[in-house]
C-alpha cells in the first residue's frame, strides 16, 4: 500500500504544482 500511496501522492503533487493550486 506504501507504493500505491506514494504513486497517488506523486500524481497529486505534480498536478498541484502544475496548476492545481489555483483550485486551492
PDBML (XML) file of the C-alpha atoms, coordinates in Angstrom:
<?xml version="1.0" encoding="UTF-8" ?>
<PDBx:datablock datablockName="MODEL"
   xmlns:PDBx="http://pdbml.pdb.org/schema/pdbx-v50.xsd"
   xmlns:xsi="http://www.w3.org/2001/XMLSchema-instance"
   xsi:schemaLocation="http://pdbml.pdb.org/schema/pdbx-v50.xsd pdbx-v50.xsd">
   <PDBx:atom_siteCategory>
      <PDBx:atom_site id="1">
         <PDBx:B_iso_or_equiv>0.00</PDBx:B_iso_or_equiv>
         <PDBx:Cartn_x>0.000</PDBx:Cartn_x>
         <PDBx:Cartn_y>0.000</PDBx:Cartn_y>
         <PDBx:Cartn_z>0.000</PDBx:Cartn_z>
         <PDBx:auth_asym_id>A</PDBx:auth_asym_id>
         <PDBx:auth_atom_id>CA</PDBx:auth_atom_id>
         <PDBx:auth_comp_id>UNK</PDBx:auth_comp_id>
         <PDBx:auth_seq_id>1</PDBx:auth_seq_id>
         <PDBx:group_PDB>ATOM</PDBx:group_PDB>
         <PDBx:label_alt_id xsi:nil="true" />
         <PDBx:label_asym_id>A</PDBx:label_asym_id>
         <PDBx:label_atom_id>CA</PDBx:label_atom_id>
         <PDBx:label_comp_id>UNK</PDBx:label_comp_id>
         <PDBx:label_entity_id>1</PDBx:label_entity_id>
         <PDBx:label_seq_id>1</PDBx:label_seq_id>
         <PDBx:occupancy>1.00</PDBx:occupancy>
         <PDBx:pdbx_PDB_model_num>1</PDBx:pdbx_PDB_model_num>
         <PDBx:type_symbol>C</PDBx:type_symbol>
      </PDBx:atom_site>
      <PDBx:atom_site id="2">
         <PDBx:B_iso_or_equiv>0.00</PDBx:B_iso_or_equiv>
         <PDBx:Cartn_x>3.011</PDBx:Cartn_x>
         <PDBx:Cartn_y>2.291</PDBx:Cartn_y>
         <PDBx:Cartn_z>0.545</PDBx:Cartn_z>
         <PDBx:auth_asym_id>A</PDBx:auth_asym_id>
         <PDBx:auth_atom_id>CA</PDBx:auth_atom_id>
         <PDBx:auth_comp_id>UNK</PDBx:auth_comp_id>
         <PDBx:auth_seq_id>2</PDBx:auth_seq_id>
         <PDBx:group_PDB>ATOM</PDBx:group_PDB>
         <PDBx:label_alt_id xsi:nil="true" />
         <PDBx:label_asym_id>A</PDBx:label_asym_id>
         <PDBx:label_atom_id>CA</PDBx:label_atom_id>
         <PDBx:label_comp_id>UNK</PDBx:label_comp_id>
         <PDBx:label_entity_id>1</PDBx:label_entity_id>
         <PDBx:label_seq_id>2</PDBx:label_seq_id>
         <PDBx:occupancy>1.00</PDBx:occupancy>
         <PDBx:pdbx_PDB_model_num>1</PDBx:pdbx_PDB_model_num>
         <PDBx:type_symbol>C</PDBx:type_symbol>
      </PDBx:atom_site>
      <PDBx:atom_site id="3">
         <PDBx:B_iso_or_equiv>0.00</PDBx:B_iso_or_equiv>
         <PDBx:Cartn_x>3.955</PDBx:Cartn_x>
         <PDBx:Cartn_y>2.016</PDBx:Cartn_y>
         <PDBx:Cartn_z>-3.153</PDBx:Cartn_z>
         <PDBx:auth_asym_id>A</PDBx:auth_asym_id>
         <PDBx:auth_atom_id>CA</PDBx:auth_atom_id>
         <PDBx:auth_comp_id>UNK</PDBx:auth_comp_id>
         <PDBx:auth_seq_id>3</PDBx:auth_seq_id>
         <PDBx:group_PDB>ATOM</PDBx:group_PDB>
         <PDBx:label_alt_id xsi:nil="true" />
         <PDBx:label_asym_id>A</PDBx:label_asym_id>
         <PDBx:label_atom_id>CA</PDBx:label_atom_id>
         <PDBx:label_comp_id>UNK</PDBx:label_comp_id>
         <PDBx:label_entity_id>1</PDBx:label_entity_id>
         <PDBx:label_seq_id>3</PDBx:label_seq_id>
         <PDBx:occupancy>1.00</PDBx:occupancy>
         <PDBx:pdbx_PDB_model_num>1</PDBx:pdbx_PDB_model_num>
         <PDBx:type_symbol>C</PDBx:type_symbol>
      </PDBx:atom_site>
      <PDBx:atom_site id="4">
         <PDBx:B_iso_or_equiv>0.00</PDBx:B_iso_or_equiv>
         <PDBx:Cartn_x>0.399</PDBx:Cartn_x>
         <PDBx:Cartn_y>2.805</PDBx:Cartn_y>
         <PDBx:Cartn_z>-4.218</PDBx:Cartn_z>
         <PDBx:auth_asym_id>A</PDBx:auth_asym_id>
         <PDBx:auth_atom_id>CA</PDBx:auth_atom_id>
         <PDBx:auth_comp_id>UNK</PDBx:auth_comp_id>
         <PDBx:auth_seq_id>4</PDBx:auth_seq_id>
         <PDBx:group_PDB>ATOM</PDBx:group_PDB>
         <PDBx:label_alt_id xsi:nil="true" />
         <PDBx:label_asym_id>A</PDBx:label_asym_id>
         <PDBx:label_atom_id>CA</PDBx:label_atom_id>
         <PDBx:label_comp_id>UNK</PDBx:label_comp_id>
         <PDBx:label_entity_id>1</PDBx:label_entity_id>
         <PDBx:label_seq_id>4</PDBx:label_seq_id>
         <PDBx:occupancy>1.00</PDBx:occupancy>
         <PDBx:pdbx_PDB_model_num>1</PDBx:pdbx_PDB_model_num>
         <PDBx:type_symbol>C</PDBx:type_symbol>
      </PDBx:atom_site>
      <PDBx:atom_site id="5">
         <PDBx:B_iso_or_equiv>0.00</PDBx:B_iso_or_equiv>
         <PDBx:Cartn_x>0.111</PDBx:Cartn_x>
         <PDBx:Cartn_y>5.736</PDBx:Cartn_y>
         <PDBx:Cartn_z>-1.794</PDBx:Cartn_z>
         <PDBx:auth_asym_id>A</PDBx:auth_asym_id>
         <PDBx:auth_atom_id>CA</PDBx:auth_atom_id>
         <PDBx:auth_comp_id>UNK</PDBx:auth_comp_id>
         <PDBx:auth_seq_id>5</PDBx:auth_seq_id>
         <PDBx:group_PDB>ATOM</PDBx:group_PDB>
         <PDBx:label_alt_id xsi:nil="true" />
         <PDBx:label_asym_id>A</PDBx:label_asym_id>
         <PDBx:label_atom_id>CA</PDBx:label_atom_id>
         <PDBx:label_comp_id>UNK</PDBx:label_comp_id>
         <PDBx:label_entity_id>1</PDBx:label_entity_id>
         <PDBx:label_seq_id>5</PDBx:label_seq_id>
         <PDBx:occupancy>1.00</PDBx:occupancy>
         <PDBx:pdbx_PDB_model_num>1</PDBx:pdbx_PDB_model_num>
         <PDBx:type_symbol>C</PDBx:type_symbol>
      </PDBx:atom_site>
      <PDBx:atom_site id="6">
         <PDBx:B_iso_or_equiv>0.00</PDBx:B_iso_or_equiv>
         <PDBx:Cartn_x>3.409</PDBx:Cartn_x>
         <PDBx:Cartn_y>7.284</PDBx:Cartn_y>
         <PDBx:Cartn_z>-2.945</PDBx:Cartn_z>
         <PDBx:auth_asym_id>A</PDBx:auth_asym_id>
         <PDBx:auth_atom_id>CA</PDBx:auth_atom_id>
         <PDBx:auth_comp_id>UNK</PDBx:auth_comp_id>
         <PDBx:auth_seq_id>6</PDBx:auth_seq_id>
         <PDBx:group_PDB>ATOM</PDBx:group_PDB>
         <PDBx:label_alt_id xsi:nil="true" />
         <PDBx:label_asym_id>A</PDBx:label_asym_id>
         <PDBx:label_atom_id>CA</PDBx:label_atom_id>
         <PDBx:label_comp_id>UNK</PDBx:label_comp_id>
         <PDBx:label_entity_id>1</PDBx:label_entity_id>
         <PDBx:label_seq_id>6</PDBx:label_seq_id>
         <PDBx:occupancy>1.00</PDBx:occupancy>
         <PDBx:pdbx_PDB_model_num>1</PDBx:pdbx_PDB_model_num>
         <PDBx:type_symbol>C</PDBx:type_symbol>
      </PDBx:atom_site>
      <PDBx:atom_site id="7">
         <PDBx:B_iso_or_equiv>0.00</PDBx:B_iso_or_equiv>
         <PDBx:Cartn_x>2.283</PDBx:Cartn_x>
         <PDBx:Cartn_y>6.932</PDBx:Cartn_y>
         <PDBx:Cartn_z>-6.585</PDBx:Cartn_z>
         <PDBx:auth_asym_id>A</PDBx:auth_asym_id>
         <PDBx:auth_atom_id>CA</PDBx:auth_atom_id>
         <PDBx:auth_comp_id>UNK</PDBx:auth_comp_id>
         <PDBx:auth_seq_id>7</PDBx:auth_seq_id>
         <PDBx:group_PDB>ATOM</PDBx:group_PDB>
         <PDBx:label_alt_id xsi:nil="true" />
         <PDBx:label_asym_id>A</PDBx:label_asym_id>
         <PDBx:label_atom_id>CA</PDBx:label_atom_id>
         <PDBx:label_comp_id>UNK</PDBx:label_comp_id>
         <PDBx:label_entity_id>1</PDBx:label_entity_id>
         <PDBx:label_seq_id>7</PDBx:label_seq_id>
         <PDBx:occupancy>1.00</PDBx:occupancy>
         <PDBx:pdbx_PDB_model_num>1</PDBx:pdbx_PDB_model_num>
         <PDBx:type_symbol>C</PDBx:type_symbol>
      </PDBx:atom_site>
      <PDBx:atom_site id="8">
         <PDBx:B_iso_or_equiv>0.00</PDBx:B_iso_or_equiv>
         <PDBx:Cartn_x>-1.023</PDBx:Cartn_x>
         <PDBx:Cartn_y>8.693</PDBx:Cartn_y>
         <PDBx:Cartn_z>-5.758</PDBx:Cartn_z>
         <PDBx:auth_asym_id>A</PDBx:auth_asym_id>
         <PDBx:auth_atom_id>CA</PDBx:auth_atom_id>
         <PDBx:auth_comp_id>UNK</PDBx:auth_comp_id>
         <PDBx:auth_seq_id>8</PDBx:auth_seq_id>
         <PDBx:group_PDB>ATOM</PDBx:group_PDB>
         <PDBx:label_alt_id xsi:nil="true" />
         <PDBx:label_asym_id>A</PDBx:label_asym_id>
         <PDBx:label_atom_id>CA</PDBx:label_atom_id>
         <PDBx:label_comp_id>UNK</PDBx:label_comp_id>
         <PDBx:label_entity_id>1</PDBx:label_entity_id>
         <PDBx:label_seq_id>8</PDBx:label_seq_id>
         <PDBx:occupancy>1.00</PDBx:occupancy>
         <PDBx:pdbx_PDB_model_num>1</PDBx:pdbx_PDB_model_num>
         <PDBx:type_symbol>C</PDBx:type_symbol>
      </PDBx:atom_site>
      <PDBx:atom_site id="9">
         <PDBx:B_iso_or_equiv>0.00</PDBx:B_iso_or_equiv>
         <PDBx:Cartn_x>0.796</PDBx:Cartn_x>
         <PDBx:Cartn_y>11.435</PDBx:Cartn_y>
         <PDBx:Cartn_z>-3.857</PDBx:Cartn_z>
         <PDBx:auth_asym_id>A</PDBx:auth_asym_id>
         <PDBx:auth_atom_id>CA</PDBx:auth_atom_id>
         <PDBx:auth_comp_id>UNK</PDBx:auth_comp_id>
         <PDBx:auth_seq_id>9</PDBx:auth_seq_id>
         <PDBx:group_PDB>ATOM</PDBx:group_PDB>
         <PDBx:label_alt_id xsi:nil="true" />
         <PDBx:label_asym_id>A</PDBx:label_asym_id>
         <PDBx:label_atom_id>CA</PDBx:label_atom_id>
         <PDBx:label_comp_id>UNK</PDBx:label_comp_id>
         <PDBx:label_entity_id>1</PDBx:label_entity_id>
         <PDBx:label_seq_id>9</PDBx:label_seq_id>
         <PDBx:occupancy>1.00</PDBx:occupancy>
         <PDBx:pdbx_PDB_model_num>1</PDBx:pdbx_PDB_model_num>
         <PDBx:type_symbol>C</PDBx:type_symbol>
      </PDBx:atom_site>
      <PDBx:atom_site id="10">
         <PDBx:B_iso_or_equiv>0.00</PDBx:B_iso_or_equiv>
         <PDBx:Cartn_x>3.238</PDBx:Cartn_x>
         <PDBx:Cartn_y>11.935</PDBx:Cartn_y>
         <PDBx:Cartn_z>-6.730</PDBx:Cartn_z>
         <PDBx:auth_asym_id>A</PDBx:auth_asym_id>
         <PDBx:auth_atom_id>CA</PDBx:auth_atom_id>
         <PDBx:auth_comp_id>UNK</PDBx:auth_comp_id>
         <PDBx:auth_seq_id>10</PDBx:auth_seq_id>
         <PDBx:group_PDB>ATOM</PDBx:group_PDB>
         <PDBx:label_alt_id xsi:nil="true" />
         <PDBx:label_asym_id>A</PDBx:label_asym_id>
         <PDBx:label_atom_id>CA</PDBx:label_atom_id>
         <PDBx:label_comp_id>UNK</PDBx:label_comp_id>
         <PDBx:label_entity_id>1</PDBx:label_entity_id>
         <PDBx:label_seq_id>10</PDBx:label_seq_id>
         <PDBx:occupancy>1.00</PDBx:occupancy>
         <PDBx:pdbx_PDB_model_num>1</PDBx:pdbx_PDB_model_num>
         <PDBx:type_symbol>C</PDBx:type_symbol>
      </PDBx:atom_site>
      <PDBx:atom_site id="11">
         <PDBx:B_iso_or_equiv>0.00</PDBx:B_iso_or_equiv>
         <PDBx:Cartn_x>0.389</PDBx:Cartn_x>
         <PDBx:Cartn_y>12.352</PDBx:Cartn_y>
         <PDBx:Cartn_z>-9.227</PDBx:Cartn_z>
         <PDBx:auth_asym_id>A</PDBx:auth_asym_id>
         <PDBx:auth_atom_id>CA</PDBx:auth_atom_id>
         <PDBx:auth_comp_id>UNK</PDBx:auth_comp_id>
         <PDBx:auth_seq_id>11</PDBx:auth_seq_id>
         <PDBx:group_PDB>ATOM</PDBx:group_PDB>
         <PDBx:label_alt_id xsi:nil="true" />
         <PDBx:label_asym_id>A</PDBx:label_asym_id>
         <PDBx:label_atom_id>CA</PDBx:label_atom_id>
         <PDBx:label_comp_id>UNK</PDBx:label_comp_id>
         <PDBx:label_entity_id>1</PDBx:label_entity_id>
         <PDBx:label_seq_id>11</PDBx:label_seq_id>
         <PDBx:occupancy>1.00</PDBx:occupancy>
         <PDBx:pdbx_PDB_model_num>1</PDBx:pdbx_PDB_model_num>
         <PDBx:type_symbol>C</PDBx:type_symbol>
      </PDBx:atom_site>
      <PDBx:atom_site id="12">
         <PDBx:B_iso_or_equiv>0.00</PDBx:B_iso_or_equiv>
         <PDBx:Cartn_x>-1.453</PDBx:Cartn_x>
         <PDBx:Cartn_y>14.738</PDBx:Cartn_y>
         <PDBx:Cartn_z>-6.907</PDBx:Cartn_z>
         <PDBx:auth_asym_id>A</PDBx:auth_asym_id>
         <PDBx:auth_atom_id>CA</PDBx:auth_atom_id>
         <PDBx:auth_comp_id>UNK</PDBx:auth_comp_id>
         <PDBx:auth_seq_id>12</PDBx:auth_seq_id>
         <PDBx:group_PDB>ATOM</PDBx:group_PDB>
         <PDBx:label_alt_id xsi:nil="true" />
         <PDBx:label_asym_id>A</PDBx:label_asym_id>
         <PDBx:label_atom_id>CA</PDBx:label_atom_id>
         <PDBx:label_comp_id>UNK</PDBx:label_comp_id>
         <PDBx:label_entity_id>1</PDBx:label_entity_id>
         <PDBx:label_seq_id>12</PDBx:label_seq_id>
         <PDBx:occupancy>1.00</PDBx:occupancy>
         <PDBx:pdbx_PDB_model_num>1</PDBx:pdbx_PDB_model_num>
         <PDBx:type_symbol>C</PDBx:type_symbol>
      </PDBx:atom_site>
      <PDBx:atom_site id="13">
         <PDBx:B_iso_or_equiv>0.00</PDBx:B_iso_or_equiv>
         <PDBx:Cartn_x>1.665</PDBx:Cartn_x>
         <PDBx:Cartn_y>16.770</PDBx:Cartn_y>
         <PDBx:Cartn_z>-6.072</PDBx:Cartn_z>
         <PDBx:auth_asym_id>A</PDBx:auth_asym_id>
         <PDBx:auth_atom_id>CA</PDBx:auth_atom_id>
         <PDBx:auth_comp_id>UNK</PDBx:auth_comp_id>
         <PDBx:auth_seq_id>13</PDBx:auth_seq_id>
         <PDBx:group_PDB>ATOM</PDBx:group_PDB>
         <PDBx:label_alt_id xsi:nil="true" />
         <PDBx:label_asym_id>A</PDBx:label_asym_id>
         <PDBx:label_atom_id>CA</PDBx:label_atom_id>
         <PDBx:label_comp_id>UNK</PDBx:label_comp_id>
         <PDBx:label_entity_id>1</PDBx:label_entity_id>
         <PDBx:label_seq_id>13</PDBx:label_seq_id>
         <PDBx:occupancy>1.00</PDBx:occupancy>
         <PDBx:pdbx_PDB_model_num>1</PDBx:pdbx_PDB_model_num>
         <PDBx:type_symbol>C</PDBx:type_symbol>
      </PDBx:atom_site>
      <PDBx:atom_site id="14">
         <PDBx:B_iso_or_equiv>0.00</PDBx:B_iso_or_equiv>
         <PDBx:Cartn_x>2.607</PDBx:Cartn_x>
         <PDBx:Cartn_y>17.176</PDBx:Cartn_y>
         <PDBx:Cartn_z>-9.739</PDBx:Cartn_z>
         <PDBx:auth_asym_id>A</PDBx:auth_asym_id>
         <PDBx:auth_atom_id>CA</PDBx:auth_atom_id>
         <PDBx:auth_comp_id>UNK</PDBx:auth_comp_id>
         <PDBx:auth_seq_id>14</PDBx:auth_seq_id>
         <PDBx:group_PDB>ATOM</PDBx:group_PDB>
         <PDBx:label_alt_id xsi:nil="true" />
         <PDBx:label_asym_id>A</PDBx:label_asym_id>
         <PDBx:label_atom_id>CA</PDBx:label_atom_id>
         <PDBx:label_comp_id>UNK</PDBx:label_comp_id>
         <PDBx:label_entity_id>1</PDBx:label_entity_id>
         <PDBx:label_seq_id>14</PDBx:label_seq_id>
         <PDBx:occupancy>1.00</PDBx:occupancy>
         <PDBx:pdbx_PDB_model_num>1</PDBx:pdbx_PDB_model_num>
         <PDBx:type_symbol>C</PDBx:type_symbol>
      </PDBx:atom_site>
      <PDBx:atom_site id="15">
         <PDBx:B_iso_or_equiv>0.00</PDBx:B_iso_or_equiv>
         <PDBx:Cartn_x>-0.974</PDBx:Cartn_x>
         <PDBx:Cartn_y>18.172</PDBx:Cartn_y>
         <PDBx:Cartn_z>-10.608</PDBx:Cartn_z>
         <PDBx:auth_asym_id>A</PDBx:auth_asym_id>
         <PDBx:auth_atom_id>CA</PDBx:auth_atom_id>
         <PDBx:auth_comp_id>UNK</PDBx:auth_comp_id>
         <PDBx:auth_seq_id>15</PDBx:auth_seq_id>
         <PDBx:group_PDB>ATOM</PDBx:group_PDB>
         <PDBx:label_alt_id xsi:nil="true" />
         <PDBx:label_asym_id>A</PDBx:label_asym_id>
         <PDBx:label_atom_id>CA</PDBx:label_atom_id>
         <PDBx:label_comp_id>UNK</PDBx:label_comp_id>
         <PDBx:label_entity_id>1</PDBx:label_entity_id>
         <PDBx:label_seq_id>15</PDBx:label_seq_id>
         <PDBx:occupancy>1.00</PDBx:occupancy>
         <PDBx:pdbx_PDB_model_num>1</PDBx:pdbx_PDB_model_num>
         <PDBx:type_symbol>C</PDBx:type_symbol>
      </PDBx:atom_site>
      <PDBx:atom_site id="16">
         <PDBx:B_iso_or_equiv>0.00</PDBx:B_iso_or_equiv>
         <PDBx:Cartn_x>-0.990</PDBx:Cartn_x>
         <PDBx:Cartn_y>20.749</PDBx:Cartn_y>
         <PDBx:Cartn_z>-7.792</PDBx:Cartn_z>
         <PDBx:auth_asym_id>A</PDBx:auth_asym_id>
         <PDBx:auth_atom_id>CA</PDBx:auth_atom_id>
         <PDBx:auth_comp_id>UNK</PDBx:auth_comp_id>
         <PDBx:auth_seq_id>16</PDBx:auth_seq_id>
         <PDBx:group_PDB>ATOM</PDBx:group_PDB>
         <PDBx:label_alt_id xsi:nil="true" />
         <PDBx:label_asym_id>A</PDBx:label_asym_id>
         <PDBx:label_atom_id>CA</PDBx:label_atom_id>
         <PDBx:label_comp_id>UNK</PDBx:label_comp_id>
         <PDBx:label_entity_id>1</PDBx:label_entity_id>
         <PDBx:label_seq_id>16</PDBx:label_seq_id>
         <PDBx:occupancy>1.00</PDBx:occupancy>
         <PDBx:pdbx_PDB_model_num>1</PDBx:pdbx_PDB_model_num>
         <PDBx:type_symbol>C</PDBx:type_symbol>
      </PDBx:atom_site>
      <PDBx:atom_site id="17">
         <PDBx:B_iso_or_equiv>0.00</PDBx:B_iso_or_equiv>
         <PDBx:Cartn_x>2.423</PDBx:Cartn_x>
         <PDBx:Cartn_y>22.070</PDBx:Cartn_y>
         <PDBx:Cartn_z>-8.843</PDBx:Cartn_z>
         <PDBx:auth_asym_id>A</PDBx:auth_asym_id>
         <PDBx:auth_atom_id>CA</PDBx:auth_atom_id>
         <PDBx:auth_comp_id>UNK</PDBx:auth_comp_id>
         <PDBx:auth_seq_id>17</PDBx:auth_seq_id>
         <PDBx:group_PDB>ATOM</PDBx:group_PDB>
         <PDBx:label_alt_id xsi:nil="true" />
         <PDBx:label_asym_id>A</PDBx:label_asym_id>
         <PDBx:label_atom_id>CA</PDBx:label_atom_id>
         <PDBx:label_comp_id>UNK</PDBx:label_comp_id>
         <PDBx:label_entity_id>1</PDBx:label_entity_id>
         <PDBx:label_seq_id>17</PDBx:label_seq_id>
         <PDBx:occupancy>1.00</PDBx:occupancy>
         <PDBx:pdbx_PDB_model_num>1</PDBx:pdbx_PDB_model_num>
         <PDBx:type_symbol>C</PDBx:type_symbol>
      </PDBx:atom_site>
      <PDBx:atom_site id="18">
         <PDBx:B_iso_or_equiv>0.00</PDBx:B_iso_or_equiv>
         <PDBx:Cartn_x>1.355</PDBx:Cartn_x>
         <PDBx:Cartn_y>22.310</PDBx:Cartn_y>
         <PDBx:Cartn_z>-12.479</PDBx:Cartn_z>
         <PDBx:auth_asym_id>A</PDBx:auth_asym_id>
         <PDBx:auth_atom_id>CA</PDBx:auth_atom_id>
         <PDBx:auth_comp_id>UNK</PDBx:auth_comp_id>
         <PDBx:auth_seq_id>18</PDBx:auth_seq_id>
         <PDBx:group_PDB>ATOM</PDBx:group_PDB>
         <PDBx:label_alt_id xsi:nil="true" />
         <PDBx:label_asym_id>A</PDBx:label_asym_id>
         <PDBx:label_atom_id>CA</PDBx:label_atom_id>
         <PDBx:label_comp_id>UNK</PDBx:label_comp_id>
         <PDBx:label_entity_id>1</PDBx:label_entity_id>
         <PDBx:label_seq_id>18</PDBx:label_seq_id>
         <PDBx:occupancy>1.00</PDBx:occupancy>
         <PDBx:pdbx_PDB_model_num>1</PDBx:pdbx_PDB_model_num>
         <PDBx:type_symbol>C</PDBx:type_symbol>
      </PDBx:atom_site>
      <PDBx:atom_site id="19">
         <PDBx:B_iso_or_equiv>0.00</PDBx:B_iso_or_equiv>
         <PDBx:Cartn_x>-1.716</PDBx:Cartn_x>
         <PDBx:Cartn_y>24.435</PDBx:Cartn_y>
         <PDBx:Cartn_z>-11.830</PDBx:Cartn_z>
         <PDBx:auth_asym_id>A</PDBx:auth_asym_id>
         <PDBx:auth_atom_id>CA</PDBx:auth_atom_id>
         <PDBx:auth_comp_id>UNK</PDBx:auth_comp_id>
         <PDBx:auth_seq_id>19</PDBx:auth_seq_id>
         <PDBx:group_PDB>ATOM</PDBx:group_PDB>
         <PDBx:label_alt_id xsi:nil="true" />
         <PDBx:label_asym_id>A</PDBx:label_asym_id>
         <PDBx:label_atom_id>CA</PDBx:label_atom_id>
         <PDBx:label_comp_id>UNK</PDBx:label_comp_id>
         <PDBx:label_entity_id>1</PDBx:label_entity_id>
         <PDBx:label_seq_id>19</PDBx:label_seq_id>
         <PDBx:occupancy>1.00</PDBx:occupancy>
         <PDBx:pdbx_PDB_model_num>1</PDBx:pdbx_PDB_model_num>
         <PDBx:type_symbol>C</PDBx:type_symbol>
      </PDBx:atom_site>
      <PDBx:atom_site id="20">
         <PDBx:B_iso_or_equiv>0.00</PDBx:B_iso_or_equiv>
         <PDBx:Cartn_x>-3.986</PDBx:Cartn_x>
         <PDBx:Cartn_y>22.731</PDBx:Cartn_y>
         <PDBx:Cartn_z>-9.331</PDBx:Cartn_z>
         <PDBx:auth_asym_id>A</PDBx:auth_asym_id>
         <PDBx:auth_atom_id>CA</PDBx:auth_atom_id>
         <PDBx:auth_comp_id>UNK</PDBx:auth_comp_id>
         <PDBx:auth_seq_id>20</PDBx:auth_seq_id>
         <PDBx:group_PDB>ATOM</PDBx:group_PDB>
         <PDBx:label_alt_id xsi:nil="true" />
         <PDBx:label_asym_id>A</PDBx:label_asym_id>
         <PDBx:label_atom_id>CA</PDBx:label_atom_id>
         <PDBx:label_comp_id>UNK</PDBx:label_comp_id>
         <PDBx:label_entity_id>1</PDBx:label_entity_id>
         <PDBx:label_seq_id>20</PDBx:label_seq_id>
         <PDBx:occupancy>1.00</PDBx:occupancy>
         <PDBx:pdbx_PDB_model_num>1</PDBx:pdbx_PDB_model_num>
         <PDBx:type_symbol>C</PDBx:type_symbol>
      </PDBx:atom_site>
      <PDBx:atom_site id="21">
         <PDBx:B_iso_or_equiv>0.00</PDBx:B_iso_or_equiv>
         <PDBx:Cartn_x>-3.014</PDBx:Cartn_x>
         <PDBx:Cartn_y>25.266</PDBx:Cartn_y>
         <PDBx:Cartn_z>-6.685</PDBx:Cartn_z>
         <PDBx:auth_asym_id>A</PDBx:auth_asym_id>
         <PDBx:auth_atom_id>CA</PDBx:auth_atom_id>
         <PDBx:auth_comp_id>UNK</PDBx:auth_comp_id>
         <PDBx:auth_seq_id>21</PDBx:auth_seq_id>
         <PDBx:group_PDB>ATOM</PDBx:group_PDB>
         <PDBx:label_alt_id xsi:nil="true" />
         <PDBx:label_asym_id>A</PDBx:label_asym_id>
         <PDBx:label_atom_id>CA</PDBx:label_atom_id>
         <PDBx:label_comp_id>UNK</PDBx:label_comp_id>
         <PDBx:label_entity_id>1</PDBx:label_entity_id>
         <PDBx:label_seq_id>21</PDBx:label_seq_id>
         <PDBx:occupancy>1.00</PDBx:occupancy>
         <PDBx:pdbx_PDB_model_num>1</PDBx:pdbx_PDB_model_num>
         <PDBx:type_symbol>C</PDBx:type_symbol>
      </PDBx:atom_site>
      <PDBx:atom_site id="22">
         <PDBx:B_iso_or_equiv>0.00</PDBx:B_iso_or_equiv>
         <PDBx:Cartn_x>-5.445</PDBx:Cartn_x>
         <PDBx:Cartn_y>27.632</PDBx:Cartn_y>
         <PDBx:Cartn_z>-8.421</PDBx:Cartn_z>
         <PDBx:auth_asym_id>A</PDBx:auth_asym_id>
         <PDBx:auth_atom_id>CA</PDBx:auth_atom_id>
         <PDBx:auth_comp_id>UNK</PDBx:auth_comp_id>
         <PDBx:auth_seq_id>22</PDBx:auth_seq_id>
         <PDBx:group_PDB>ATOM</PDBx:group_PDB>
         <PDBx:label_alt_id xsi:nil="true" />
         <PDBx:label_asym_id>A</PDBx:label_asym_id>
         <PDBx:label_atom_id>CA</PDBx:label_atom_id>
         <PDBx:label_comp_id>UNK</PDBx:label_comp_id>
         <PDBx:label_entity_id>1</PDBx:label_entity_id>
         <PDBx:label_seq_id>22</PDBx:label_seq_id>
         <PDBx:occupancy>1.00</PDBx:occupancy>
         <PDBx:pdbx_PDB_model_num>1</PDBx:pdbx_PDB_model_num>
         <PDBx:type_symbol>C</PDBx:type_symbol>
      </PDBx:atom_site>
      <PDBx:atom_site id="23">
         <PDBx:B_iso_or_equiv>0.00</PDBx:B_iso_or_equiv>
         <PDBx:Cartn_x>-8.309</PDBx:Cartn_x>
         <PDBx:Cartn_y>25.431</PDBx:Cartn_y>
         <PDBx:Cartn_z>-7.206</PDBx:Cartn_z>
         <PDBx:auth_asym_id>A</PDBx:auth_asym_id>
         <PDBx:auth_atom_id>CA</PDBx:auth_atom_id>
         <PDBx:auth_comp_id>UNK</PDBx:auth_comp_id>
         <PDBx:auth_seq_id>23</PDBx:auth_seq_id>
         <PDBx:group_PDB>ATOM</PDBx:group_PDB>
         <PDBx:label_alt_id xsi:nil="true" />
         <PDBx:label_asym_id>A</PDBx:label_asym_id>
         <PDBx:label_atom_id>CA</PDBx:label_atom_id>
         <PDBx:label_comp_id>UNK</PDBx:label_comp_id>
         <PDBx:label_entity_id>1</PDBx:label_entity_id>
         <PDBx:label_seq_id>23</PDBx:label_seq_id>
         <PDBx:occupancy>1.00</PDBx:occupancy>
         <PDBx:pdbx_PDB_model_num>1</PDBx:pdbx_PDB_model_num>
         <PDBx:type_symbol>C</PDBx:type_symbol>
      </PDBx:atom_site>
      <PDBx:atom_site id="24">
         <PDBx:B_iso_or_equiv>0.00</PDBx:B_iso_or_equiv>
         <PDBx:Cartn_x>-6.868</PDBx:Cartn_x>
         <PDBx:Cartn_y>25.589</PDBx:Cartn_y>
         <PDBx:Cartn_z>-3.690</PDBx:Cartn_z>
         <PDBx:auth_asym_id>A</PDBx:auth_asym_id>
         <PDBx:auth_atom_id>CA</PDBx:auth_atom_id>
         <PDBx:auth_comp_id>UNK</PDBx:auth_comp_id>
         <PDBx:auth_seq_id>24</PDBx:auth_seq_id>
         <PDBx:group_PDB>ATOM</PDBx:group_PDB>
         <PDBx:label_alt_id xsi:nil="true" />
         <PDBx:label_asym_id>A</PDBx:label_asym_id>
         <PDBx:label_atom_id>CA</PDBx:label_atom_id>
         <PDBx:label_comp_id>UNK</PDBx:label_comp_id>
         <PDBx:label_entity_id>1</PDBx:label_entity_id>
         <PDBx:label_seq_id>24</PDBx:label_seq_id>
         <PDBx:occupancy>1.00</PDBx:occupancy>
         <PDBx:pdbx_PDB_model_num>1</PDBx:pdbx_PDB_model_num>
         <PDBx:type_symbol>C</PDBx:type_symbol>
      </PDBx:atom_site>
   </PDBx:atom_siteCategory>
</PDBx:datablock>
